[in-house]
Amino acid sequence: MLMTSKDVDSYIANSSREARPILKELQRIIKLTILNVDERISWGVPFYRYHGALGGYTVYKNHVSFGCGGSDLQSKDRKMLEKKGYKTGKKTIQIKFDQKVPSAEIKQIIKAKAKMNEAKK
């Protein structure tokens, strides 16, 4: 999906109707889980930073992809998500438009990433 947005809210507003609830939920989870997170558009997609890269998401034809800010997903997280029906990549989680956002798992993943970023500081 090629579009240019200057901020995350307009990215969400300009996304497909099916994607918007997932995007809003991901935005909400990240902002509530990591206070002082820096939200911006990077590489044309919503991206979050907290003492370094935290993660971001983008819309595809039939799903939203959440990426873990350059880090690989832990194999235990990948297995847990796959068991619940989510498709995962080395660094990403695909959330199909008819799937619920795996909120607890995403919170856990970004908390761990934020902790790693703080430790590197």
N, C-alpha and C. Protein backbone atom coordinates (compact mmCIF):
# COMPACT_ATOMS: atom_id res chain seq x y z
N MET A 1 0.85 -1.18 0.00
CA MET A 1 0.00 0.00 0.00
C MET A 1 0.89 1.22 0.00
N LEU A 2 0.84 1.97 -1.05
CA LEU A 2 1.70 3.13 -1.15
C LEU A 2 0.91 4.39 -0.85
N MET A 3 1.28 5.04 0.23
CA MET A 3 0.66 6.32 0.54
C MET A 3 1.65 7.08 1.39
N THR A 4 1.53 8.38 1.36
CA THR A 4 2.41 9.17 2.20
C THR A 4 1.56 9.87 3.23
N SER A 5 1.93 9.72 4.48
CA SER A 5 1.23 10.37 5.58
C SER A 5 2.27 11.08 6.41
N LYS A 6 1.89 12.23 6.93
CA LYS A 6 2.86 12.96 7.73
C LYS A 6 2.81 12.56 9.21
N ASP A 7 1.72 11.92 9.63
CA ASP A 7 1.66 11.45 11.01
C ASP A 7 0.86 10.14 11.08
N VAL A 8 0.97 9.48 12.20
CA VAL A 8 0.36 8.15 12.37
C VAL A 8 -1.16 8.21 12.27
N ASP A 9 -1.77 9.23 12.85
CA ASP A 9 -3.23 9.32 12.79
C ASP A 9 -3.73 9.43 11.34
N SER A 10 -3.03 10.20 10.50
CA SER A 10 -3.47 10.27 9.10
C SER A 10 -3.17 8.98 8.36
N TYR A 11 -2.10 8.27 8.72
CA TYR A 11 -1.82 6.95 8.12
C TYR A 11 -3.00 6.02 8.40
N ILE A 12 -3.44 6.00 9.65
CA ILE A 12 -4.56 5.14 10.04
C ILE A 12 -5.84 5.56 9.31
N ALA A 13 -6.11 6.86 9.30
CA ALA A 13 -7.33 7.38 8.66
C ALA A 13 -7.36 7.07 7.16
N ASN A 14 -6.20 7.04 6.51
CA ASN A 14 -6.13 6.79 5.08
C ASN A 14 -6.00 5.31 4.72
N SER A 15 -5.96 4.44 5.73
CA SER A 15 -5.85 3.00 5.49
C SER A 15 -7.22 2.41 5.18
N SER A 16 -7.22 1.18 4.70
CA SER A 16 -8.49 0.52 4.37
C SER A 16 -9.36 0.38 5.62
N ARG A 17 -10.65 0.40 5.40
CA ARG A 17 -11.62 0.30 6.49
C ARG A 17 -11.37 -0.94 7.35
N GLU A 18 -11.02 -2.07 6.71
CA GLU A 18 -10.79 -3.32 7.45
C GLU A 18 -9.54 -3.23 8.34
N ALA A 19 -8.57 -2.44 7.92
CA ALA A 19 -7.31 -2.35 8.67
C ALA A 19 -7.38 -1.41 9.87
N ARG A 20 -8.23 -0.40 9.78
CA ARG A 20 -8.25 0.66 10.80
C ARG A 20 -8.40 0.18 12.24
N PRO A 21 -9.34 -0.74 12.55
CA PRO A 21 -9.46 -1.17 13.95
C PRO A 21 -8.17 -1.81 14.48
N ILE A 22 -7.49 -2.57 13.64
CA ILE A 22 -6.23 -3.22 14.05
C ILE A 22 -5.16 -2.16 14.27
N LEU A 23 -5.06 -1.22 13.36
CA LEU A 23 -4.05 -0.16 13.48
C LEU A 23 -4.28 0.68 14.74
N LYS A 24 -5.53 1.03 14.99
CA LYS A 24 -5.85 1.83 16.19
C LYS A 24 -5.52 1.06 17.46
N GLU A 25 -5.80 -0.24 17.45
CA GLU A 25 -5.51 -1.07 18.61
C GLU A 25 -4.00 -1.19 18.83
N LEU A 26 -3.23 -1.38 17.77
CA LEU A 26 -1.76 -1.45 17.91
C LEU A 26 -1.22 -0.13 18.44
N GLN A 27 -1.71 0.97 17.91
CA GLN A 27 -1.27 2.30 18.38
C GLN A 27 -1.58 2.45 19.87
N ARG A 28 -2.79 2.07 20.26
CA ARG A 28 -3.23 2.19 21.67
C ARG A 28 -2.34 1.34 22.58
N ILE A 29 -2.11 0.09 22.19
CA ILE A 29 -1.30 -0.82 22.99
C ILE A 29 0.10 -0.25 23.20
N ILE A 30 0.72 0.20 22.13
CA ILE A 30 2.10 0.69 22.23
C ILE A 30 2.17 1.94 23.11
N LYS A 31 1.25 2.89 22.90
CA LYS A 31 1.29 4.13 23.66
C LYS A 31 0.95 3.93 25.14
N LEU A 32 0.10 2.96 25.45
CA LEU A 32 -0.23 2.70 26.86
C LEU A 32 0.83 1.84 27.55
N THR A 33 1.53 1.01 26.79
CA THR A 33 2.52 0.11 27.38
C THR A 33 3.84 0.82 27.63
N ILE A 34 4.27 1.65 26.69
CA ILE A 34 5.55 2.35 26.83
C ILE A 34 5.28 3.85 26.88
N LEU A 35 5.28 4.38 28.09
CA LEU A 35 5.07 5.82 28.24
C LEU A 35 6.30 6.52 27.65
N ASN A 36 6.15 7.71 27.17
CA ASN A 36 7.24 8.48 26.54
C ASN A 36 7.74 7.85 25.25
N VAL A 37 6.93 7.02 24.61
CA VAL A 37 7.33 6.43 23.33
C VAL A 37 7.26 7.54 22.27
N ASP A 38 8.19 7.51 21.34
CA ASP A 38 8.22 8.47 20.24
C ASP A 38 7.49 7.85 19.05
N GLU A 39 6.36 8.44 18.67
CA GLU A 39 5.56 7.93 17.57
C GLU A 39 5.79 8.82 16.35
N ARG A 40 6.11 8.19 15.22
CA ARG A 40 6.35 8.96 13.99
C ARG A 40 6.15 8.08 12.77
N ILE A 41 6.22 8.71 11.61
CA ILE A 41 6.22 7.96 10.36
C ILE A 41 7.69 7.81 9.96
N SER A 42 8.14 6.59 9.79
CA SER A 42 9.49 6.30 9.31
C SER A 42 9.36 5.28 8.19
N TRP A 43 10.11 5.47 7.14
CA TRP A 43 10.04 4.57 5.98
C TRP A 43 8.61 4.47 5.46
N GLY A 44 7.84 5.53 5.64
CA GLY A 44 6.47 5.58 5.13
C GLY A 44 5.42 4.87 5.97
N VAL A 45 5.81 4.34 7.14
CA VAL A 45 4.87 3.60 8.00
C VAL A 45 4.98 4.07 9.45
N PRO A 46 3.93 3.81 10.26
CA PRO A 46 4.01 4.16 11.68
C PRO A 46 5.15 3.39 12.35
N PHE A 47 5.97 4.12 13.09
CA PHE A 47 7.11 3.51 13.75
C PHE A 47 7.30 4.15 15.12
N TYR A 48 7.73 3.35 16.07
CA TYR A 48 7.85 3.80 17.45
C TYR A 48 9.28 3.60 17.94
N ARG A 49 9.76 4.59 18.68
CA ARG A 49 11.12 4.54 19.22
C ARG A 49 11.06 4.78 20.72
N TYR A 50 11.91 4.08 21.43
CA TYR A 50 12.08 4.29 22.87
C TYR A 50 13.51 3.86 23.16
N HIS A 51 14.41 4.81 23.32
CA HIS A 51 15.84 4.53 23.48
C HIS A 51 16.35 3.64 22.34
N GLY A 52 15.83 3.86 21.16
CA GLY A 52 16.16 3.04 20.00
C GLY A 52 14.88 2.52 19.36
N ALA A 53 15.03 1.74 18.33
CA ALA A 53 13.88 1.21 17.60
C ALA A 53 13.05 0.29 18.50
N LEU A 54 11.73 0.47 18.44
CA LEU A 54 10.83 -0.37 19.24
C LEU A 54 9.98 -1.26 18.33
N GLY A 55 9.38 -0.68 17.32
CA GLY A 55 8.56 -1.47 16.40
C GLY A 55 7.65 -0.59 15.58
N GLY A 56 6.97 -1.21 14.64
CA GLY A 56 6.06 -0.47 13.78
C GLY A 56 5.11 -1.42 13.08
N TYR A 57 4.26 -0.85 12.25
CA TYR A 57 3.29 -1.69 11.55
C TYR A 57 2.96 -1.09 10.20
N THR A 58 2.47 -1.95 9.33
CA THR A 58 2.09 -1.52 7.99
C THR A 58 0.91 -2.36 7.49
N VAL A 59 0.18 -1.78 6.54
CA VAL A 59 -1.01 -2.44 6.01
C VAL A 59 -0.69 -3.12 4.69
N TYR A 60 -1.18 -4.34 4.53
CA TYR A 60 -1.10 -5.07 3.27
C TYR A 60 -2.53 -5.33 2.81
N LYS A 61 -2.67 -6.05 1.73
CA LYS A 61 -3.99 -6.27 1.14
C LYS A 61 -4.97 -6.96 2.11
N ASN A 62 -4.50 -8.00 2.81
CA ASN A 62 -5.40 -8.78 3.68
C ASN A 62 -4.98 -8.84 5.14
N HIS A 63 -3.95 -8.09 5.50
CA HIS A 63 -3.49 -8.14 6.89
C HIS A 63 -2.69 -6.89 7.25
N VAL A 64 -2.43 -6.78 8.55
CA VAL A 64 -1.52 -5.76 9.07
C VAL A 64 -0.30 -6.53 9.58
N SER A 65 0.87 -6.01 9.30
CA SER A 65 2.10 -6.64 9.76
C SER A 65 2.71 -5.78 10.86
N PHE A 66 2.95 -6.38 12.02
CA PHE A 66 3.61 -5.69 13.12
C PHE A 66 5.06 -6.18 13.15
N GLY A 67 5.99 -5.25 13.11
CA GLY A 67 7.41 -5.61 13.14
C GLY A 67 8.06 -5.16 14.43
N CYS A 68 9.03 -5.93 14.86
CA CYS A 68 9.66 -5.73 16.16
C CYS A 68 10.92 -4.88 16.12
N GLY A 69 10.90 -3.80 15.41
CA GLY A 69 11.99 -2.84 15.46
C GLY A 69 13.38 -3.39 15.20
N GLY A 70 13.51 -4.26 14.22
CA GLY A 70 14.83 -4.77 13.87
C GLY A 70 15.26 -6.01 14.65
N SER A 71 14.52 -6.35 15.70
CA SER A 71 14.87 -7.53 16.50
C SER A 71 14.11 -8.75 16.01
N ASP A 72 14.71 -9.89 16.19
CA ASP A 72 14.02 -11.14 15.87
C ASP A 72 12.99 -11.43 16.95
N LEU A 73 11.89 -12.03 16.56
CA LEU A 73 10.91 -12.51 17.53
C LEU A 73 11.55 -13.68 18.28
N GLN A 74 11.35 -13.74 19.57
CA GLN A 74 11.83 -14.88 20.35
C GLN A 74 11.06 -16.12 19.88
N SER A 75 11.73 -17.26 19.86
CA SER A 75 11.05 -18.47 19.36
C SER A 75 9.85 -18.84 20.23
N LYS A 76 9.91 -18.59 21.54
CA LYS A 76 8.76 -18.89 22.41
C LYS A 76 7.57 -18.00 22.05
N ASP A 77 7.84 -16.72 21.72
CA ASP A 77 6.76 -15.83 21.30
C ASP A 77 6.19 -16.27 19.97
N ARG A 78 7.06 -16.65 19.05
CA ARG A 78 6.62 -17.09 17.72
C ARG A 78 5.74 -18.32 17.85
N LYS A 79 6.18 -19.30 18.65
CA LYS A 79 5.40 -20.54 18.84
C LYS A 79 4.03 -20.24 19.45
N MET A 80 4.01 -19.37 20.46
CA MET A 80 2.77 -19.02 21.15
C MET A 80 1.81 -18.35 20.16
N LEU A 81 2.30 -17.44 19.34
CA LEU A 81 1.46 -16.74 18.36
C LEU A 81 0.97 -17.69 17.27
N GLU A 82 1.85 -18.56 16.79
CA GLU A 82 1.47 -19.51 15.74
C GLU A 82 0.41 -20.48 16.25
N LYS A 83 0.53 -20.89 17.51
CA LYS A 83 -0.46 -21.78 18.12
C LYS A 83 -1.84 -21.12 18.13
N LYS A 84 -1.85 -19.79 18.23
CA LYS A 84 -3.12 -19.05 18.26
C LYS A 84 -3.59 -18.66 16.86
N GLY A 85 -2.87 -19.12 15.81
CA GLY A 85 -3.33 -18.89 14.45
C GLY A 85 -2.73 -17.70 13.72
N TYR A 86 -1.71 -17.08 14.31
CA TYR A 86 -1.06 -15.95 13.64
C TYR A 86 0.12 -16.44 12.83
N LYS A 87 0.33 -15.83 11.69
CA LYS A 87 1.47 -16.16 10.87
C LYS A 87 2.61 -15.24 11.32
N THR A 88 3.79 -15.80 11.53
CA THR A 88 4.92 -14.98 11.97
C THR A 88 6.08 -15.12 11.00
N GLY A 89 6.89 -14.09 10.96
CA GLY A 89 8.13 -14.12 10.21
C GLY A 89 9.26 -14.01 11.22
N LYS A 90 10.46 -13.84 10.75
CA LYS A 90 11.60 -13.74 11.65
C LYS A 90 11.43 -12.56 12.63
N LYS A 91 10.88 -11.45 12.11
CA LYS A 91 10.74 -10.25 12.93
C LYS A 91 9.32 -9.70 12.94
N THR A 92 8.36 -10.42 12.37
CA THR A 92 7.02 -9.86 12.19
C THR A 92 5.89 -10.80 12.62
N ILE A 93 4.75 -10.18 12.86
CA ILE A 93 3.51 -10.90 13.16
C ILE A 93 2.47 -10.39 12.18
N GLN A 94 1.81 -11.30 11.47
CA GLN A 94 0.74 -10.92 10.57
C GLN A 94 -0.59 -11.04 11.30
N ILE A 95 -1.36 -9.96 11.25
CA ILE A 95 -2.69 -9.98 11.86
C ILE A 95 -3.69 -9.79 10.72
N LYS A 96 -4.39 -10.88 10.38
CA LYS A 96 -5.38 -10.81 9.30
C LYS A 96 -6.54 -9.94 9.76
N PHE A 97 -7.24 -9.35 8.79
CA PHE A 97 -8.33 -8.43 9.12
C PHE A 97 -9.42 -9.08 9.97
N ASP A 98 -9.57 -10.41 9.89
CA ASP A 98 -10.61 -11.07 10.68
C ASP A 98 -10.08 -11.63 12.01
N GLN A 99 -8.82 -11.32 12.34
CA GLN A 99 -8.25 -11.79 13.61
C GLN A 99 -8.24 -10.67 14.64
N LYS A 100 -8.30 -11.08 15.89
CA LYS A 100 -8.20 -10.17 17.01
C LYS A 100 -6.71 -9.83 17.17
N VAL A 101 -6.41 -8.61 17.59
CA VAL A 101 -5.02 -8.23 17.84
C VAL A 101 -4.54 -9.01 19.08
N PRO A 102 -3.37 -9.68 18.98
CA PRO A 102 -2.85 -10.42 20.15
C PRO A 102 -2.24 -9.44 21.16
N SER A 103 -3.10 -8.69 21.83
CA SER A 103 -2.69 -7.59 22.71
C SER A 103 -1.67 -7.99 23.78
N ALA A 104 -1.98 -9.04 24.53
CA ALA A 104 -1.09 -9.44 25.62
C ALA A 104 0.30 -9.79 25.09
N GLU A 105 0.34 -10.50 23.97
CA GLU A 105 1.62 -10.92 23.39
C GLU A 105 2.42 -9.72 22.88
N ILE A 106 1.73 -8.79 22.24
CA ILE A 106 2.42 -7.60 21.71
C ILE A 106 2.94 -6.74 22.86
N LYS A 107 2.15 -6.60 23.92
CA LYS A 107 2.62 -5.86 25.11
C LYS A 107 3.90 -6.48 25.63
N GLN A 108 3.89 -7.79 25.77
CA GLN A 108 5.04 -8.54 26.28
C GLN A 108 6.27 -8.32 25.39
N ILE A 109 6.08 -8.39 24.08
CA ILE A 109 7.17 -8.24 23.12
C ILE A 109 7.77 -6.83 23.19
N ILE A 110 6.90 -5.80 23.21
CA ILE A 110 7.45 -4.44 23.21
C ILE A 110 8.04 -4.06 24.57
N LYS A 111 7.50 -4.62 25.66
CA LYS A 111 8.11 -4.37 26.98
C LYS A 111 9.53 -4.94 27.00
N ALA A 112 9.70 -6.16 26.48
CA ALA A 112 11.02 -6.79 26.44
C ALA A 112 11.97 -5.99 25.56
N LYS A 113 11.49 -5.51 24.42
CA LYS A 113 12.31 -4.72 23.50
C LYS A 113 12.71 -3.40 24.17
N ALA A 114 11.78 -2.74 24.86
CA ALA A 114 12.06 -1.47 25.55
C ALA A 114 13.13 -1.69 26.62
N LYS A 115 13.03 -2.80 27.34
CA LYS A 115 14.01 -3.14 28.38
C LYS A 115 15.40 -3.34 27.77
N MET A 116 15.44 -4.05 26.63
CA MET A 116 16.71 -4.25 25.92
C MET A 116 17.30 -2.91 25.49
N ASN A 117 16.45 -2.02 24.96
CA ASN A 117 16.91 -0.71 24.53
C ASN A 117 17.46 0.11 25.70
N GLU A 118 16.77 0.05 26.85
CA GLU A 118 17.23 0.79 28.04
C GLU A 118 18.59 0.27 28.49
N ALA A 119 18.75 -1.04 28.44
CA ALA A 119 20.01 -1.66 28.88
C ALA A 119 21.19 -1.24 28.00
N LYS A 120 20.92 -1.00 26.72
CA LYS A 120 21.99 -0.60 25.78
C LYS A 120 22.41 0.86 25.98
N LYS A 121 21.54 1.64 26.59
CA LYS A 121 21.77 3.08 26.75
C LYS A 121 23.07 3.42 27.42
